[in-house]
N, C-alpha and C. Protein backbone atom coordinates (compact mmCIF):
# COMPACT_ATOMS: atom_id res chain seq x y z
N UNK A 1 68.77 99.91 74.06
CA UNK A 1 67.78 99.87 75.12
C UNK A 1 68.32 100.64 76.31
N UNK A 2 67.52 101.49 76.86
CA UNK A 2 67.91 102.26 78.04
C UNK A 2 67.49 101.51 79.29
N UNK A 3 68.33 101.53 80.28
CA UNK A 3 68.03 100.88 81.55
C UNK A 3 67.82 101.94 82.61
N UNK A 4 66.94 101.69 83.57
CA UNK A 4 66.70 102.66 84.62
C UNK A 4 67.96 102.87 85.45
N UNK A 5 68.21 104.10 85.77
CA UNK A 5 69.35 104.43 86.62
C UNK A 5 68.86 105.29 87.75
N UNK A 6 69.64 105.34 88.80
CA UNK A 6 69.24 106.13 89.96
C UNK A 6 70.25 107.27 90.13
N UNK A 7 69.76 108.46 90.15
CA UNK A 7 70.58 109.64 90.39
C UNK A 7 70.30 110.13 91.80
N UNK A 8 71.06 111.08 92.24
CA UNK A 8 70.83 111.61 93.59
C UNK A 8 69.46 112.28 93.64
N UNK A 9 68.90 112.34 94.82
CA UNK A 9 67.58 112.93 94.98
C UNK A 9 66.52 111.87 95.12
N UNK A 10 65.29 112.26 94.97
CA UNK A 10 64.17 111.34 95.18
C UNK A 10 63.50 110.93 93.89
N UNK A 11 64.22 110.97 92.78
CA UNK A 11 63.62 110.62 91.50
C UNK A 11 64.44 109.53 90.81
N UNK A 12 63.74 108.73 90.01
CA UNK A 12 64.38 107.75 89.14
C UNK A 12 64.27 108.29 87.73
N UNK A 13 65.23 107.96 86.90
CA UNK A 13 65.23 108.43 85.53
C UNK A 13 65.21 107.24 84.59
N UNK A 14 64.38 107.34 83.55
CA UNK A 14 64.29 106.30 82.54
C UNK A 14 64.06 106.98 81.20
N UNK A 15 64.94 106.72 80.26
CA UNK A 15 64.87 107.35 78.94
C UNK A 15 64.74 108.87 79.04
N UNK A 16 65.46 109.45 79.97
CA UNK A 16 65.46 110.90 80.12
C UNK A 16 64.27 111.47 80.86
N UNK A 17 63.34 110.63 81.28
CA UNK A 17 62.16 111.10 82.00
C UNK A 17 62.35 110.84 83.49
N UNK A 18 61.84 111.73 84.29
CA UNK A 18 61.98 111.63 85.73
C UNK A 18 60.70 111.06 86.35
N UNK A 19 60.87 110.11 87.27
CA UNK A 19 59.74 109.52 87.99
C UNK A 19 60.03 109.62 89.48
N UNK A 20 59.04 109.96 90.29
CA UNK A 20 59.28 110.04 91.73
C UNK A 20 59.60 108.66 92.30
N UNK A 21 60.43 108.66 93.34
CA UNK A 21 60.77 107.41 94.01
C UNK A 21 59.54 106.90 94.75
N UNK A 22 59.26 105.59 94.69
CA UNK A 22 58.09 105.07 95.38
C UNK A 22 58.19 105.27 96.88
N UNK A 23 57.04 105.47 97.52
CA UNK A 23 57.01 105.69 98.97
C UNK A 23 57.22 104.40 99.74
N UNK A 24 56.75 103.30 99.20
CA UNK A 24 56.80 102.03 99.90
C UNK A 24 57.68 101.05 99.16
N UNK A 25 58.26 100.15 99.90
CA UNK A 25 59.05 99.07 99.29
C UNK A 25 58.31 97.76 99.53
N UNK A 26 57.88 97.14 98.45
CA UNK A 26 57.17 95.88 98.54
C UNK A 26 58.04 94.78 97.97
N UNK A 27 57.73 93.57 98.35
CA UNK A 27 58.44 92.43 97.82
C UNK A 27 58.20 92.38 96.31
N UNK A 28 59.27 92.20 95.56
CA UNK A 28 59.17 92.22 94.10
C UNK A 28 58.35 91.02 93.62
N UNK A 29 57.44 91.20 92.65
CA UNK A 29 56.60 90.11 92.18
C UNK A 29 57.39 88.93 91.61
N UNK A 30 58.62 89.16 91.13
CA UNK A 30 59.39 88.06 90.57
C UNK A 30 59.83 87.07 91.64
N UNK A 31 59.62 87.41 92.92
CA UNK A 31 59.93 86.48 93.99
C UNK A 31 58.98 85.28 93.93
N UNK A 32 57.86 85.45 93.25
CA UNK A 32 56.91 84.37 93.08
C UNK A 32 57.17 83.72 91.74
N UNK A 33 57.15 82.42 91.70
CA UNK A 33 57.34 81.75 90.42
C UNK A 33 56.03 81.09 90.02
N UNK A 34 55.69 81.25 88.79
CA UNK A 34 54.48 80.64 88.25
C UNK A 34 54.91 79.80 87.05
N UNK A 35 54.56 78.53 87.07
CA UNK A 35 54.92 77.64 85.98
C UNK A 35 53.94 77.82 84.84
N UNK A 36 54.37 78.59 83.83
CA UNK A 36 53.50 78.83 82.68
C UNK A 36 53.83 77.87 81.53
N UNK A 37 54.90 77.09 81.67
CA UNK A 37 55.30 76.21 80.58
C UNK A 37 54.35 75.04 80.41
N UNK A 38 53.62 74.69 81.45
CA UNK A 38 52.67 73.59 81.35
C UNK A 38 51.47 73.93 80.50
N UNK A 39 51.31 75.19 80.12
CA UNK A 39 50.13 75.61 79.37
C UNK A 39 50.46 76.02 77.94
N UNK A 40 51.64 75.66 77.43
CA UNK A 40 52.00 76.15 76.10
C UNK A 40 51.34 75.38 74.97
N UNK A 41 50.76 74.23 75.23
CA UNK A 41 50.07 73.48 74.18
C UNK A 41 48.59 73.85 74.20
N UNK A 42 48.07 74.14 73.04
CA UNK A 42 46.67 74.50 72.93
C UNK A 42 45.85 73.24 72.71
N UNK A 43 44.85 73.03 73.52
CA UNK A 43 43.99 71.86 73.38
C UNK A 43 42.54 72.31 73.31
N UNK A 44 41.76 71.54 72.59
CA UNK A 44 40.33 71.82 72.54
C UNK A 44 39.65 71.22 73.75
N UNK A 45 38.47 71.68 74.05
CA UNK A 45 37.75 71.26 75.25
C UNK A 45 37.62 69.74 75.33
N UNK A 46 37.33 69.07 74.22
CA UNK A 46 37.12 67.63 74.26
C UNK A 46 38.43 66.84 74.37
N UNK A 47 39.59 67.49 74.18
CA UNK A 47 40.87 66.80 74.25
C UNK A 47 41.56 66.98 75.60
N UNK A 48 40.98 67.71 76.51
CA UNK A 48 41.63 67.96 77.79
C UNK A 48 41.71 66.67 78.60
N UNK A 49 42.85 66.45 79.17
CA UNK A 49 43.02 65.27 80.02
C UNK A 49 42.90 65.68 81.47
N UNK A 50 42.83 64.68 82.34
CA UNK A 50 42.79 64.95 83.78
C UNK A 50 44.06 65.67 84.21
N UNK A 51 45.19 65.29 83.64
CA UNK A 51 46.47 65.93 83.97
C UNK A 51 46.44 67.41 83.62
N UNK A 52 45.87 67.74 82.47
CA UNK A 52 45.79 69.14 82.05
C UNK A 52 44.93 69.94 83.02
N UNK A 53 43.79 69.38 83.43
CA UNK A 53 42.92 70.08 84.38
C UNK A 53 43.62 70.29 85.70
N UNK A 54 44.40 69.29 86.12
CA UNK A 54 45.13 69.38 87.38
C UNK A 54 46.18 70.48 87.30
N UNK A 55 46.93 70.54 86.20
CA UNK A 55 47.96 71.57 86.06
C UNK A 55 47.31 72.94 85.91
N UNK A 56 46.13 72.98 85.26
CA UNK A 56 45.41 74.24 85.12
C UNK A 56 44.94 74.73 86.49
N UNK A 57 44.47 73.82 87.33
CA UNK A 57 44.02 74.20 88.68
C UNK A 57 45.18 74.73 89.50
N UNK A 58 46.35 74.11 89.34
CA UNK A 58 47.54 74.58 90.06
C UNK A 58 47.90 75.99 89.59
N UNK A 59 47.85 76.21 88.28
CA UNK A 59 48.14 77.53 87.72
C UNK A 59 47.15 78.56 88.24
N UNK A 60 45.86 78.21 88.23
CA UNK A 60 44.83 79.13 88.73
C UNK A 60 45.07 79.48 90.19
N UNK A 61 45.40 78.48 91.00
CA UNK A 61 45.63 78.72 92.43
C UNK A 61 46.84 79.62 92.65
N UNK A 62 47.92 79.39 91.88
CA UNK A 62 49.11 80.23 92.02
C UNK A 62 48.83 81.67 91.60
N UNK A 63 48.11 81.83 90.49
CA UNK A 63 47.80 83.19 90.01
C UNK A 63 46.86 83.90 90.98
N UNK A 64 45.89 83.17 91.53
CA UNK A 64 44.97 83.77 92.50
C UNK A 64 45.72 84.22 93.75
N UNK A 65 46.64 83.39 94.22
CA UNK A 65 47.43 83.74 95.40
C UNK A 65 48.25 85.00 95.14
N UNK A 66 48.89 85.08 93.98
CA UNK A 66 49.68 86.26 93.64
C UNK A 66 48.80 87.49 93.49
N UNK A 67 47.66 87.33 92.84
CA UNK A 67 46.74 88.46 92.64
C UNK A 67 46.21 88.96 93.98
N UNK A 68 45.83 88.04 94.86
CA UNK A 68 45.32 88.44 96.18
C UNK A 68 46.40 89.09 97.03
N UNK A 69 47.65 88.68 96.84
CA UNK A 69 48.76 89.34 97.55
C UNK A 69 48.79 90.83 97.19
N UNK A 70 48.69 91.13 95.90
CA UNK A 70 48.72 92.53 95.45
C UNK A 70 47.45 93.27 95.86
N UNK A 71 46.31 92.60 95.87
CA UNK A 71 45.07 93.24 96.34
C UNK A 71 45.19 93.60 97.82
N UNK A 72 45.79 92.72 98.62
CA UNK A 72 45.94 92.97 100.06
C UNK A 72 46.81 94.19 100.31
N UNK A 73 47.78 94.43 99.45
CA UNK A 73 48.64 95.62 99.60
C UNK A 73 47.82 96.90 99.48
N UNK A 74 46.69 96.83 98.80
CA UNK A 74 45.84 98.00 98.60
C UNK A 74 44.55 97.90 99.42
N UNK A 75 44.57 97.05 100.42
CA UNK A 75 43.43 96.87 101.34
C UNK A 75 42.16 96.41 100.62
N UNK A 76 42.31 95.70 99.52
CA UNK A 76 41.16 95.18 98.78
C UNK A 76 40.88 93.76 99.27
N UNK A 77 39.62 93.35 99.31
CA UNK A 77 39.31 91.99 99.77
C UNK A 77 39.81 90.95 98.77
N UNK A 78 40.10 89.74 99.25
CA UNK A 78 40.60 88.70 98.35
C UNK A 78 39.51 88.20 97.40
N UNK A 79 39.94 87.70 96.27
CA UNK A 79 39.03 87.11 95.29
C UNK A 79 39.01 85.60 95.46
N UNK A 80 38.00 84.97 94.92
CA UNK A 80 37.92 83.51 94.90
C UNK A 80 37.66 83.08 93.46
N UNK A 81 38.02 81.84 93.15
CA UNK A 81 37.82 81.32 91.80
C UNK A 81 36.37 80.90 91.63
N UNK A 82 35.77 81.33 90.52
CA UNK A 82 34.40 80.97 90.18
C UNK A 82 34.46 80.10 88.92
N UNK A 83 34.27 78.80 89.07
CA UNK A 83 34.39 77.88 87.94
C UNK A 83 33.38 78.17 86.83
N UNK A 84 32.19 78.60 87.19
CA UNK A 84 31.17 78.92 86.18
C UNK A 84 31.63 80.10 85.33
N UNK A 85 32.14 81.13 85.97
CA UNK A 85 32.65 82.29 85.25
C UNK A 85 33.86 81.91 84.39
N UNK A 86 34.74 81.06 84.93
CA UNK A 86 35.89 80.60 84.15
C UNK A 86 35.44 79.86 82.89
N UNK A 87 34.41 79.02 83.01
CA UNK A 87 33.93 78.26 81.85
C UNK A 87 33.34 79.19 80.80
N UNK A 88 32.60 80.20 81.23
CA UNK A 88 32.03 81.17 80.29
C UNK A 88 33.15 81.91 79.57
N UNK A 89 34.15 82.36 80.32
CA UNK A 89 35.28 83.09 79.73
C UNK A 89 36.06 82.19 78.78
N UNK A 90 36.28 80.94 79.16
CA UNK A 90 37.02 80.00 78.30
C UNK A 90 36.27 79.75 77.00
N UNK A 91 34.98 79.54 77.09
CA UNK A 91 34.17 79.32 75.89
C UNK A 91 34.23 80.52 74.96
N UNK A 92 34.15 81.70 75.52
CA UNK A 92 34.22 82.92 74.70
C UNK A 92 35.60 83.07 74.07
N UNK A 93 36.66 82.76 74.83
CA UNK A 93 38.01 82.85 74.29
C UNK A 93 38.20 81.86 73.15
N UNK A 94 37.66 80.65 73.29
CA UNK A 94 37.74 79.66 72.22
C UNK A 94 36.96 80.10 70.99
N UNK A 95 35.81 80.74 71.20
CA UNK A 95 35.02 81.27 70.08
C UNK A 95 35.82 82.35 69.35
N UNK A 96 36.43 83.27 70.11
CA UNK A 96 37.23 84.33 69.49
C UNK A 96 38.40 83.75 68.71
N UNK A 97 39.06 82.73 69.27
CA UNK A 97 40.18 82.11 68.58
C UNK A 97 39.72 81.42 67.30
N UNK A 98 38.58 80.73 67.36
CA UNK A 98 38.07 80.01 66.19
C UNK A 98 37.65 80.95 65.08
N UNK A 99 37.21 82.15 65.43
CA UNK A 99 36.76 83.12 64.43
C UNK A 99 37.83 84.17 64.11
N UNK A 100 39.05 83.97 64.65
CA UNK A 100 40.16 84.93 64.44
C UNK A 100 39.73 86.35 64.76
N UNK A 101 39.06 86.51 65.89
CA UNK A 101 38.54 87.81 66.32
C UNK A 101 39.21 88.21 67.62
N UNK A 102 39.45 89.51 67.76
CA UNK A 102 39.99 90.03 69.02
C UNK A 102 39.11 91.19 69.44
N UNK A 103 38.33 90.99 70.48
CA UNK A 103 37.44 92.04 70.98
C UNK A 103 37.05 91.72 72.42
N UNK A 104 36.43 92.68 73.06
CA UNK A 104 35.92 92.48 74.42
C UNK A 104 34.42 92.46 74.39
């Protein structure tokens, strides 16, 4: 595995390819921690507990905060969570999983 190295000048090199040095220095996304381990068990809609919904809401809030941080860097307006849209997307994801299908 090749690791990025920095040579003199304004370029970074990775696997022999040259990339320009970024103009701006932003806080690295890994500075934010998101607990994804609480979601490793797959549950069906009728088996969800109150605890699962609570941890899911925490995950959604953390991801939204991180996403809006990156949107703000590009002068984009912040997003808000739409529970109706989330339910539609979740139902479709469950349908795709049940039918072993991967599509948009």
